[in-house]
Amino acid sequence: MALAINESNFNELVTKSDKLVVLDFWAEWCGPCRAISPVIEELANEYEGKAVIGKVDVDSNAAIAEKYGIRNIPTIIFIKNDEIKDKIVGAVPKSALVSKIEALL
């Protein structure tokens, strides 16, 4: 299951992680966000132990969204060693996410 990333657990789960971190920035009211949500959950299960896969609700965690300059959702960012390595804006097929994850693992 994808982790719910928020301001209280962000430092522990993202900043200090030694694994690849994949963050899905979303909101409840966003149709494309809801469409990609099952894919994010599948990836969380498939990459458990290899990568940290989490979801950031932009409405509840504006400071995190602002930190990464999130302007459109869904936006998925790929972070390694507390550095953004890649970013995808918009709903994309699972294969696009898998190829980004595999390239960064």
PDB file of N, CA and C in Angstrom:
ATOM      1  N   MET A   1       0.832  -1.184   0.000  1.00  0.00           N
ATOM      2  CA  MET A   1       0.000   0.000   0.000  1.00  0.00           C
ATOM      3  C   MET A   1       0.882   1.255   0.000  1.00  0.00           C
ATOM      4  N   ALA A   2       0.506   2.229  -0.809  1.00  0.00           N
ATOM      5  CA  ALA A   2       1.259   3.481  -0.867  1.00  0.00           C
ATOM      6  C   ALA A   2       1.152   4.189   0.478  1.00  0.00           C
ATOM      7  N   LEU A   3       2.250   4.772   0.909  1.00  0.00           N
ATOM      8  CA  LEU A   3       2.278   5.482   2.186  1.00  0.00           C
ATOM      9  C   LEU A   3       1.629   6.852   2.050  1.00  0.00           C
ATOM     10  N   ALA A   4       0.917   7.266   3.068  1.00  0.00           N
ATOM     11  CA  ALA A   4       0.368   8.625   3.102  1.00  0.00           C
ATOM     12  C   ALA A   4       1.456   9.519   3.658  1.00  0.00           C
ATOM     13  N   ILE A   5       2.045  10.319   2.787  1.00  0.00           N
ATOM     14  CA  ILE A   5       3.128  11.210   3.197  1.00  0.00           C
ATOM     15  C   ILE A   5       2.523  12.541   3.614  1.00  0.00           C
ATOM     16  N   ASN A   6       2.921  13.010   4.791  1.00  0.00           N
ATOM     17  CA  ASN A   6       2.423  14.300   5.270  1.00  0.00           C
ATOM     18  C   ASN A   6       3.565  15.058   5.939  1.00  0.00           C
ATOM     19  N   GLU A   7       3.256  16.227   6.428  1.00  0.00           N
ATOM     20  CA  GLU A   7       4.309  17.066   6.989  1.00  0.00           C
ATOM     21  C   GLU A   7       4.947  16.467   8.238  1.00  0.00           C
ATOM     22  N   SER A   8       4.226  15.625   8.959  1.00  0.00           N
ATOM     23  CA  SER A   8       4.807  15.051  10.177  1.00  0.00           C
ATOM     24  C   SER A   8       5.723  13.860   9.893  1.00  0.00           C
ATOM     25  N   ASN A   9       5.495  13.116   8.802  1.00  0.00           N
ATOM     26  CA  ASN A   9       6.358  11.953   8.531  1.00  0.00           C
ATOM     27  C   ASN A   9       7.284  12.162   7.331  1.00  0.00           C
ATOM     28  N   PHE A  10       7.213  13.320   6.692  1.00  0.00           N
ATOM     29  CA  PHE A  10       7.972  13.600   5.475  1.00  0.00           C
ATOM     30  C   PHE A  10       9.477  13.419   5.670  1.00  0.00           C
ATOM     31  N   ASN A  11      10.019  14.014   6.707  1.00  0.00           N
ATOM     32  CA  ASN A  11      11.463  13.965   6.941  1.00  0.00           C
ATOM     33  C   ASN A  11      11.947  12.525   7.087  1.00  0.00           C
ATOM     34  N   GLU A  12      11.230  11.753   7.882  1.00  0.00           N
ATOM     35  CA  GLU A  12      11.624  10.362   8.136  1.00  0.00           C
ATOM     36  C   GLU A  12      11.498   9.499   6.886  1.00  0.00           C
ATOM     37  N   LEU A  13      10.370   9.617   6.164  1.00  0.00           N
ATOM     38  CA  LEU A  13      10.099   8.720   5.038  1.00  0.00           C
ATOM     39  C   LEU A  13      10.726   9.164   3.714  1.00  0.00           C
ATOM     40  N   VAL A  14      10.972  10.462   3.555  1.00  0.00           N
ATOM     41  CA  VAL A  14      11.477  10.958   2.271  1.00  0.00           C
ATOM     42  C   VAL A  14      12.913  11.460   2.400  1.00  0.00           C
ATOM     43  N   THR A  15      13.124  12.466   3.216  1.00  0.00           N
ATOM     44  CA  THR A  15      14.441  13.103   3.313  1.00  0.00           C
ATOM     45  C   THR A  15      15.518  12.121   3.759  1.00  0.00           C
ATOM     46  N   LYS A  16      15.215  11.294   4.737  1.00  0.00           N
ATOM     47  CA  LYS A  16      16.230  10.389   5.295  1.00  0.00           C
ATOM     48  C   LYS A  16      16.277   9.026   4.599  1.00  0.00           C
ATOM     49  N   SER A  17      15.449   8.808   3.593  1.00  0.00           N
ATOM     50  CA  SER A  17      15.394   7.499   2.949  1.00  0.00           C
ATOM     51  C   SER A  17      16.652   7.223   2.138  1.00  0.00           C
ATOM     52  N   ASP A  18      17.138   5.984   2.227  1.00  0.00           N
ATOM     53  CA  ASP A  18      18.272   5.582   1.400  1.00  0.00           C
ATOM     54  C   ASP A  18      17.785   4.848   0.147  1.00  0.00           C
ATOM     55  N   LYS A  19      16.467   4.782  -0.018  1.00  0.00           N
ATOM     56  CA  LYS A  19      15.862   4.129  -1.190  1.00  0.00           C
ATOM     57  C   LYS A  19      15.322   5.185  -2.144  1.00  0.00           C
ATOM     58  N   LEU A  20      14.983   4.748  -3.340  1.00  0.00           N
ATOM     59  CA  LEU A  20      14.279   5.605  -4.285  1.00  0.00           C
ATOM     60  C   LEU A  20      12.922   5.943  -3.678  1.00  0.00           C
ATOM     61  N   VAL A  21      12.530   7.212  -3.746  1.00  0.00           N
ATOM     62  CA  VAL A  21      11.229   7.651  -3.251  1.00  0.00           C
ATOM     63  C   VAL A  21      10.413   8.137  -4.434  1.00  0.00           C
ATOM     64  N   VAL A  22       9.210   7.588  -4.572  1.00  0.00           N
ATOM     65  CA  VAL A  22       8.291   8.000  -5.631  1.00  0.00           C
ATOM     66  C   VAL A  22       7.088   8.638  -4.946  1.00  0.00           C
ATOM     67  N   LEU A  23       6.877   9.940  -5.211  1.00  0.00           N
ATOM     68  CA  LEU A  23       5.770  10.656  -4.581  1.00  0.00           C
ATOM     69  C   LEU A  23       4.731  11.051  -5.610  1.00  0.00           C
ATOM     70  N   ASP A  24       3.501  10.667  -5.344  1.00  0.00           N
ATOM     71  CA  ASP A  24       2.359  11.035  -6.182  1.00  0.00           C
ATOM     72  C   ASP A  24       1.650  12.202  -5.495  1.00  0.00           C
ATOM     73  N   PHE A  25       1.714  13.386  -6.112  1.00  0.00           N
ATOM     74  CA  PHE A  25       1.009  14.558  -5.593  1.00  0.00           C
ATOM     75  C   PHE A  25      -0.389  14.545  -6.198  1.00  0.00           C
ATOM     76  N   TRP A  26      -1.411  14.545  -5.338  1.00  0.00           N
ATOM     77  CA  TRP A  26      -2.795  14.353  -5.788  1.00  0.00           C
ATOM     78  C   TRP A  26      -3.742  15.155  -4.907  1.00  0.00           C
ATOM     79  N   ALA A  27      -5.029  15.126  -5.306  1.00  0.00           N
ATOM     80  CA  ALA A  27      -6.105  15.695  -4.484  1.00  0.00           C
ATOM     81  C   ALA A  27      -7.367  14.884  -4.743  1.00  0.00           C
ATOM     82  N   GLU A  28      -8.221  14.834  -3.743  1.00  0.00           N
ATOM     83  CA  GLU A  28      -9.464  14.059  -3.820  1.00  0.00           C
ATOM     84  C   GLU A  28     -10.337  14.484  -5.000  1.00  0.00           C
ATOM     85  N   TRP A  29     -10.388  15.767  -5.296  1.00  0.00           N
ATOM     86  CA  TRP A  29     -11.266  16.307  -6.330  1.00  0.00           C
ATOM     87  C   TRP A  29     -10.714  16.150  -7.750  1.00  0.00           C
ATOM     88  N   CYS A  30      -9.507  15.632  -7.893  1.00  0.00           N
ATOM     89  CA  CYS A  30      -8.814  15.548  -9.186  1.00  0.00           C
ATOM     90  C   CYS A  30      -9.120  14.221  -9.881  1.00  0.00           C
ATOM     91  N   GLY A  31      -9.847  14.276 -10.997  1.00  0.00           N
ATOM     92  CA  GLY A  31     -10.213  13.074 -11.744  1.00  0.00           C
ATOM     93  C   GLY A  31      -9.015  12.259 -12.215  1.00  0.00           C
ATOM     94  N   PRO A  32      -8.037  12.877 -12.906  1.00  0.00           N
ATOM     95  CA  PRO A  32      -6.861  12.113 -13.345  1.00  0.00           C
ATOM     96  C   PRO A  32      -6.080  11.507 -12.170  1.00  0.00           C
ATOM     97  N   CYS A  33      -6.109  12.180 -11.021  1.00  0.00           N
ATOM     98  CA  CYS A  33      -5.439  11.643  -9.819  1.00  0.00           C
ATOM     99  C   CYS A  33      -6.112  10.343  -9.387  1.00  0.00           C
ATOM    100  N   ARG A  34      -7.435  10.343  -9.402  1.00  0.00           N
ATOM    101  CA  ARG A  34      -8.179   9.130  -9.021  1.00  0.00           C
ATOM    102  C   ARG A  34      -7.924   8.018 -10.032  1.00  0.00           C
ATOM    103  N   ALA A  35      -7.768   8.382 -11.304  1.00  0.00           N
ATOM    104  CA  ALA A  35      -7.524   7.378 -12.345  1.00  0.00           C
ATOM    105  C   ALA A  35      -6.175   6.684 -12.155  1.00  0.00           C
ATOM    106  N   ILE A  36      -5.172   7.430 -11.726  1.00  0.00           N
ATOM    107  CA  ILE A  36      -3.825   6.853 -11.585  1.00  0.00           C
ATOM    108  C   ILE A  36      -3.607   6.193 -10.222  1.00  0.00           C
ATOM    109  N   SER A  37      -4.472   6.456  -9.280  1.00  0.00           N
ATOM    110  CA  SER A  37      -4.320   5.935  -7.919  1.00  0.00           C
ATOM    111  C   SER A  37      -4.155   4.411  -7.843  1.00  0.00           C
ATOM    112  N   PRO A  38      -4.956   3.610  -8.571  1.00  0.00           N
ATOM    113  CA  PRO A  38      -4.760   2.150  -8.492  1.00  0.00           C
ATOM    114  C   PRO A  38      -3.377   1.722  -8.999  1.00  0.00           C
ATOM    115  N   VAL A  39      -2.847   2.434  -9.970  1.00  0.00           N
ATOM    116  CA  VAL A  39      -1.515   2.128 -10.500  1.00  0.00           C
ATOM    117  C   VAL A  39      -0.460   2.388  -9.425  1.00  0.00           C
ATOM    118  N   ILE A  40      -0.607   3.509  -8.715  1.00  0.00           N
ATOM    119  CA  ILE A  40       0.333   3.838  -7.633  1.00  0.00           C
ATOM    120  C   ILE A  40       0.292   2.749  -6.562  1.00  0.00           C
ATOM    121  N   GLU A  41      -0.906   2.271  -6.235  1.00  0.00           N
ATOM    122  CA  GLU A  41      -1.038   1.199  -5.237  1.00  0.00           C
ATOM    123  C   GLU A  41      -0.360  -0.087  -5.717  1.00  0.00           C
ATOM    124  N   GLU A  42      -0.538  -0.439  -6.992  1.00  0.00           N
ATOM    125  CA  GLU A  42       0.115  -1.633  -7.544  1.00  0.00           C
ATOM    126  C   GLU A  42       1.630  -1.501  -7.446  1.00  0.00           C
ATOM    127  N   LEU A  43       2.146  -0.331  -7.802  1.00  0.00           N
ATOM    128  CA  LEU A  43       3.591  -0.109  -7.744  1.00  0.00           C
ATOM    129  C   LEU A  43       4.099  -0.208  -6.311  1.00  0.00           C
ATOM    130  N   ALA A  44       3.333   0.300  -5.364  1.00  0.00           N
ATOM    131  CA  ALA A  44       3.728   0.221  -3.951  1.00  0.00           C
ATOM    132  C   ALA A  44       3.886  -1.239  -3.529  1.00  0.00           C
ATOM    133  N   ASN A  45       2.977  -2.088  -3.982  1.00  0.00           N
ATOM    134  CA  ASN A  45       3.065  -3.514  -3.656  1.00  0.00           C
ATOM    135  C   ASN A  45       4.231  -4.178  -4.382  1.00  0.00           C
ATOM    136  N   GLU A  46       4.395  -3.873  -5.664  1.00  0.00           N
ATOM    137  CA  GLU A  46       5.426  -4.522  -6.475  1.00  0.00           C
ATOM    138  C   GLU A  46       6.842  -4.116  -6.059  1.00  0.00           C
ATOM    139  N   TYR A  47       7.012  -2.891  -5.586  1.00  0.00           N
ATOM    140  CA  TYR A  47       8.351  -2.406  -5.235  1.00  0.00           C
ATOM    141  C   TYR A  47       8.573  -2.296  -3.728  1.00  0.00           C
ATOM    142  N   GLU A  48       7.718  -2.957  -2.972  1.00  0.00           N
ATOM    143  CA  GLU A  48       7.870  -2.938  -1.512  1.00  0.00           C
ATOM    144  C   GLU A  48       9.251  -3.455  -1.132  1.00  0.00           C
ATOM    145  N   GLY A  49       9.954  -2.705  -0.278  1.00  0.00           N
ATOM    146  CA  GLY A  49      11.297  -3.087   0.132  1.00  0.00           C
ATOM    147  C   GLY A  49      12.388  -2.544  -0.785  1.00  0.00           C
ATOM    148  N   LYS A  50      12.023  -2.170  -2.026  1.00  0.00           N
ATOM    149  CA  LYS A  50      13.007  -1.650  -2.980  1.00  0.00           C
ATOM    150  C   LYS A  50      12.897  -0.139  -3.133  1.00  0.00           C
ATOM    151  N   ALA A  51      11.685   0.378  -2.984  1.00  0.00           N
ATOM    152  CA  ALA A  51      11.439   1.818  -3.149  1.00  0.00           C
ATOM    153  C   ALA A  51      10.344   2.241  -2.174  1.00  0.00           C
ATOM    154  N   VAL A  52      10.367   3.513  -1.821  1.00  0.00           N
ATOM    155  CA  VAL A  52       9.309   4.088  -0.986  1.00  0.00           C
ATOM    156  C   VAL A  52       8.323   4.754  -1.937  1.00  0.00           C
ATOM    157  N   ILE A  53       7.088   4.281  -1.938  1.00  0.00           N
ATOM    158  CA  ILE A  53       6.076   4.850  -2.823  1.00  0.00           C
ATOM    159  C   ILE A  53       4.991   5.460  -1.954  1.00  0.00           C
ATOM    160  N   GLY A  54       4.795   6.768  -2.127  1.00  0.00           N
ATOM    161  CA  GLY A  54       3.851   7.466  -1.283  1.00  0.00           C
ATOM    162  C   GLY A  54       2.986   8.451  -2.039  1.00  0.00           C
ATOM    163  N   LYS A  55       1.942   8.888  -1.366  1.00  0.00           N
ATOM    164  CA  LYS A  55       0.997   9.844  -1.929  1.00  0.00           C
ATOM    165  C   LYS A  55       0.953  11.070  -1.027  1.00  0.00           C
ATOM    166  N   VAL A  56       0.984  12.243  -1.657  1.00  0.00           N
ATOM    167  CA  VAL A  56       0.930  13.502  -0.919  1.00  0.00           C
ATOM    168  C   VAL A  56      -0.331  14.241  -1.346  1.00  0.00           C
ATOM    169  N   ASP A  57      -1.271  14.390  -0.431  1.00  0.00           N
ATOM    170  CA  ASP A  57      -2.497  15.146  -0.697  1.00  0.00           C
ATOM    171  C   ASP A  57      -2.127  16.628  -0.662  1.00  0.00           C
ATOM    172  N   VAL A  58      -2.201  17.290  -1.817  1.00  0.00           N
ATOM    173  CA  VAL A  58      -1.752  18.689  -1.896  1.00  0.00           C
ATOM    174  C   VAL A  58      -2.640  19.625  -1.082  1.00  0.00           C
ATOM    175  N   ASP A  59      -3.897  19.271  -0.894  1.00  0.00           N
ATOM    176  CA  ASP A  59      -4.787  20.126  -0.105  1.00  0.00           C
ATOM    177  C   ASP A  59      -4.414  20.124   1.380  1.00  0.00           C
ATOM    178  N   SER A  60      -3.959  18.979   1.875  1.00  0.00           N
ATOM    179  CA  SER A  60      -3.598  18.857   3.297  1.00  0.00           C
ATOM    180  C   SER A  60      -2.128  19.154   3.567  1.00  0.00           C
ATOM    181  N   ASN A  61      -1.305  19.125   2.526  1.00  0.00           N
ATOM    182  CA  ASN A  61       0.146  19.259   2.696  1.00  0.00           C
ATOM    183  C   ASN A  61       0.725  20.273   1.719  1.00  0.00           C
ATOM    184  N   ALA A  62       0.197  21.473   1.775  1.00  0.00           N
ATOM    185  CA  ALA A  62       0.599  22.529   0.829  1.00  0.00           C
ATOM    186  C   ALA A  62       2.086  22.845   0.906  1.00  0.00           C
ATOM    187  N   ALA A  63       2.671  22.756   2.087  1.00  0.00           N
ATOM    188  CA  ALA A  63       4.096  23.088   2.237  1.00  0.00           C
ATOM    189  C   ALA A  63       4.976  22.120   1.447  1.00  0.00           C
ATOM    190  N   ILE A  64       4.611  20.848   1.432  1.00  0.00           N
ATOM    191  CA  ILE A  64       5.398  19.862   0.675  1.00  0.00           C
ATOM    192  C   ILE A  64       5.239  20.132  -0.818  1.00  0.00           C
ATOM    193  N   ALA A  65       4.007  20.377  -1.257  1.00  0.00           N
ATOM    194  CA  ALA A  65       3.763  20.675  -2.674  1.00  0.00           C
ATOM    195  C   ALA A  65       4.539  21.920  -3.092  1.00  0.00           C
ATOM    196  N   GLU A  66       4.555  22.913  -2.222  1.00  0.00           N
ATOM    197  CA  GLU A  66       5.271  24.156  -2.519  1.00  0.00           C
ATOM    198  C   GLU A  66       6.777  23.919  -2.596  1.00  0.00           C
ATOM    199  N   LYS A  67       7.289  23.093  -1.700  1.00  0.00           N
ATOM    200  CA  LYS A  67       8.728  22.781  -1.681  1.00  0.00           C
ATOM    201  C   LYS A  67       9.196  22.235  -3.026  1.00  0.00           C
ATOM    202  N   TYR A  68       8.349  21.427  -3.664  1.00  0.00           N
ATOM    203  CA  TYR A  68       8.714  20.812  -4.938  1.00  0.00           C
ATOM    204  C   TYR A  68       8.141  21.552  -6.147  1.00  0.00           C
ATOM    205  N   GLY A  69       7.537  22.703  -5.909  1.00  0.00           N
ATOM    206  CA  GLY A  69       7.026  23.512  -7.015  1.00  0.00           C
ATOM    207  C   GLY A  69       5.904  22.841  -7.798  1.00  0.00           C
ATOM    208  N   ILE A  70       5.055  22.104  -7.092  1.00  0.00           N
ATOM    209  CA  ILE A  70       3.958  21.395  -7.750  1.00  0.00           C
ATOM    210  C   ILE A  70       2.898  22.401  -8.182  1.00  0.00           C
ATOM    211  N   ARG A  71       2.641  22.471  -9.488  1.00  0.00           N
ATOM    212  CA  ARG A  71       1.654  23.395 -10.044  1.00  0.00           C
ATOM    213  C   ARG A  71       0.441  22.670 -10.615  1.00  0.00           C
ATOM    214  N   ASN A  72       0.664  21.456 -11.108  1.00  0.00           N
ATOM    215  CA  ASN A  72      -0.402  20.647 -11.696  1.00  0.00           C
ATOM    216  C   ASN A  72      -0.407  19.281 -11.031  1.00  0.00           C
ATOM    217  N   ILE A  73      -1.585  18.690 -10.954  1.00  0.00           N
ATOM    218  CA  ILE A  73      -1.679  17.339 -10.411  1.00  0.00           C
ATOM    219  C   ILE A  73      -2.479  16.471 -11.374  1.00  0.00           C
ATOM    220  N   PRO A  74      -2.206  15.176 -11.420  1.00  0.00           N
ATOM    221  CA  PRO A  74      -1.167  14.500 -10.653  1.00  0.00           C
ATOM    222  C   PRO A  74       0.236  14.840 -11.165  1.00  0.00           C
ATOM    223  N   THR A  75       1.149  14.971 -10.232  1.00  0.00           N
ATOM    224  CA  THR A  75       2.574  15.065 -10.546  1.00  0.00           C
ATOM    225  C   THR A  75       3.262  13.983  -9.736  1.00  0.00           C
ATOM    226  N   ILE A  76       4.109  13.223 -10.393  1.00  0.00           N
ATOM    227  CA  ILE A  76       4.850  12.169  -9.713  1.00  0.00           C
ATOM    228  C   ILE A  76       6.324  12.538  -9.790  1.00  0.00           C
ATOM    229  N   ILE A  77       6.954  12.623  -8.627  1.00  0.00           N
ATOM    230  CA  ILE A  77       8.383  12.933  -8.622  1.00  0.00           C
ATOM    231  C   ILE A  77       9.166  11.744  -8.082  1.00  0.00           C
ATOM    232  N   PHE A  78      10.376  11.618  -8.591  1.00  0.00           N
ATOM    233  CA  PHE A  78      11.269  10.522  -8.242  1.00  0.00           C
ATOM    234  C   PHE A  78      12.471  11.136  -7.536  1.00  0.00           C
ATOM    235  N   ILE A  79      12.668  10.752  -6.272  1.00  0.00           N
ATOM    236  CA  ILE A  79      13.703  11.351  -5.429  1.00  0.00           C
ATOM    237  C   ILE A  79      14.682  10.266  -4.986  1.00  0.00           C
ATOM    238  N   LYS A  80      15.956  10.572  -5.107  1.00  0.00           N
ATOM    239  CA  LYS A  80      16.980   9.656  -4.620  1.00  0.00           C
ATOM    240  C   LYS A  80      18.020  10.497  -3.892  1.00  0.00           C
ATOM    241  N   ASN A  81      18.378  10.082  -2.687  1.00  0.00           N
ATOM    242  CA  ASN A  81      19.332  10.833  -1.862  1.00  0.00           C
ATOM    243  C   ASN A  81      18.878  12.279  -1.691  1.00  0.00           C
ATOM    244  N   ASP A  82      17.596  12.464  -1.450  1.00  0.00           N
ATOM    245  CA  ASP A  82      16.981  13.770  -1.203  1.00  0.00           C
ATOM    246  C   ASP A  82      17.137  14.738  -2.387  1.00  0.00           C
ATOM    247  N   GLU A  83      17.273  14.200  -3.601  1.00  0.00           N
ATOM    248  CA  GLU A  83      17.402  15.008  -4.819  1.00  0.00           C
ATOM    249  C   GLU A  83      16.370  14.542  -5.835  1.00  0.00           C
ATOM    250  N   ILE A  84      15.696  15.482  -6.490  1.00  0.00           N
ATOM    251  CA  ILE A  84      14.746  15.099  -7.536  1.00  0.00           C
ATOM    252  C   ILE A  84      15.531  14.583  -8.737  1.00  0.00           C
ATOM    253  N   LYS A  85      15.241  13.360  -9.136  1.00  0.00           N
ATOM    254  CA  LYS A  85      15.920  12.748 -10.274  1.00  0.00           C
ATOM    255  C   LYS A  85      15.063  12.800 -11.533  1.00  0.00           C
ATOM    256  N   ASP A  86      13.740  12.820 -11.365  1.00  0.00           N
ATOM    257  CA  ASP A  86      12.840  12.861 -12.520  1.00  0.00           C
ATOM    258  C   ASP A  86      11.457  13.279 -12.054  1.00  0.00           C
ATOM    259  N   LYS A  87      10.599  13.605 -13.039  1.00  0.00           N
ATOM    260  CA  LYS A  87       9.252  14.076 -12.724  1.00  0.00           C
ATOM    261  C   LYS A  87       8.331  13.754 -13.902  1.00  0.00           C
ATOM    262  N   ILE A  88       7.119  13.373 -13.592  1.00  0.00           N
ATOM    263  CA  ILE A  88       6.089  13.153 -14.613  1.00  0.00           C
ATOM    264  C   ILE A  88       4.870  13.958 -14.193  1.00  0.00           C
ATOM    265  N   VAL A  89       4.335  14.750 -15.117  1.00  0.00           N
ATOM    266  CA  VAL A  89       3.128  15.526 -14.844  1.00  0.00           C
ATOM    267  C   VAL A  89       1.995  14.920 -15.663  1.00  0.00           C
ATOM    268  N   GLY A  90       0.882  14.631 -14.986  1.00  0.00           N
ATOM    269  CA  GLY A  90      -0.280  14.065 -15.660  1.00  0.00           C
ATOM    270  C   GLY A  90      -0.376  12.568 -15.453  1.00  0.00           C
ATOM    271  N   ALA A  91      -1.540  12.040 -15.779  1.00  0.00           N
ATOM    272  CA  ALA A  91      -1.761  10.600 -15.663  1.00  0.00           C
ATOM    273  C   ALA A  91      -1.076   9.915 -16.837  1.00  0.00           C
ATOM    274  N   VAL A  92      -0.265   8.919 -16.544  1.00  0.00           N
ATOM    275  CA  VAL A  92       0.475   8.185 -17.569  1.00  0.00           C
ATOM    276  C   VAL A  92       0.260   6.689 -17.369  1.00  0.00           C
ATOM    277  N   PRO A  93       0.534   5.887 -18.390  1.00  0.00           N
ATOM    278  CA  PRO A  93       0.396   4.436 -18.225  1.00  0.00           C
ATOM    279  C   PRO A  93       1.398   3.885 -17.205  1.00  0.00           C
ATOM    280  N   LYS A  94       1.046   2.769 -16.616  1.00  0.00           N
ATOM    281  CA  LYS A  94       1.905   2.122 -15.623  1.00  0.00           C
ATOM    282  C   LYS A  94       3.297   1.862 -16.197  1.00  0.00           C
ATOM    283  N   SER A  95       3.369   1.482 -17.466  1.00  0.00           N
ATOM    284  CA  SER A  95       4.663   1.161 -18.079  1.00  0.00           C
ATOM    285  C   SER A  95       5.628   2.349 -18.026  1.00  0.00           C
ATOM    286  N   ALA A  96       5.112   3.562 -18.155  1.00  0.00           N
ATOM    287  CA  ALA A  96       5.966   4.755 -18.092  1.00  0.00           C
ATOM    288  C   ALA A  96       6.565   4.915 -16.695  1.00  0.00           C
ATOM    289  N   LEU A  97       5.757   4.638 -15.675  1.00  0.00           N
ATOM    290  CA  LEU A  97       6.246   4.738 -14.298  1.00  0.00           C
ATOM    291  C   LEU A  97       7.244   3.639 -13.984  1.00  0.00           C
ATOM    292  N   VAL A  98       6.953   2.429 -14.444  1.00  0.00           N
ATOM    293  CA  VAL A  98       7.855   1.295 -14.206  1.00  0.00           C
ATOM    294  C   VAL A  98       9.211   1.564 -14.834  1.00  0.00           C
ATOM    295  N   SER A  99       9.237   2.076 -16.063  1.00  0.00           N
ATOM    296  CA  SER A  99      10.522   2.314 -16.711  1.00  0.00           C
ATOM    297  C   SER A  99      11.336   3.376 -15.974  1.00  0.00           C
ATOM    298  N   LYS A 100      10.684   4.406 -15.444  1.00  0.00           N
ATOM    299  CA  LYS A 100      11.393   5.437 -14.657  1.00  0.00           C
ATOM    300  C   LYS A 100      11.944   4.824 -13.372  1.00  0.00           C
ATOM    301  N   ILE A 101      11.117   4.032 -12.688  1.00  0.00           N
ATOM    302  CA  ILE A 101      11.553   3.404 -11.432  1.00  0.00           C
ATOM    303  C   ILE A 101      12.736   2.476 -11.694  1.00  0.00           C
ATOM    304  N   GLU A 102      12.611   1.623 -12.694  1.00  0.00           N
ATOM    305  CA  GLU A 102      13.686   0.659 -12.993  1.00  0.00           C
ATOM    306  C   GLU A 102      14.985   1.375 -13.333  1.00  0.00           C
ATOM    307  N   ALA A 103      14.905   2.475 -14.061  1.00  0.00           N
ATOM    308  CA  ALA A 103      16.104   3.234 -14.451  1.00  0.00           C
ATOM    309  C   ALA A 103      16.793   3.848 -13.233  1.00  0.00           C
ATOM    310  N   LEU A 104      16.027   4.148 -12.185  1.00  0.00           N
ATOM    311  CA  LEU A 104      16.589   4.832 -11.008  1.00  0.00           C
ATOM    312  C   LEU A 104      16.946   3.905  -9.849  1.00  0.00           C
ATOM    313  N   LEU A 105      16.505   2.656  -9.908  1.00  0.00           N
ATOM    314  CA  LEU A 105      16.809   1.729  -8.804  1.00  0.00           C
ATOM    315  C   LEU A 105      18.287   1.356  -8.769  1.00  0.00           C
TER     316      LEU A 105
END
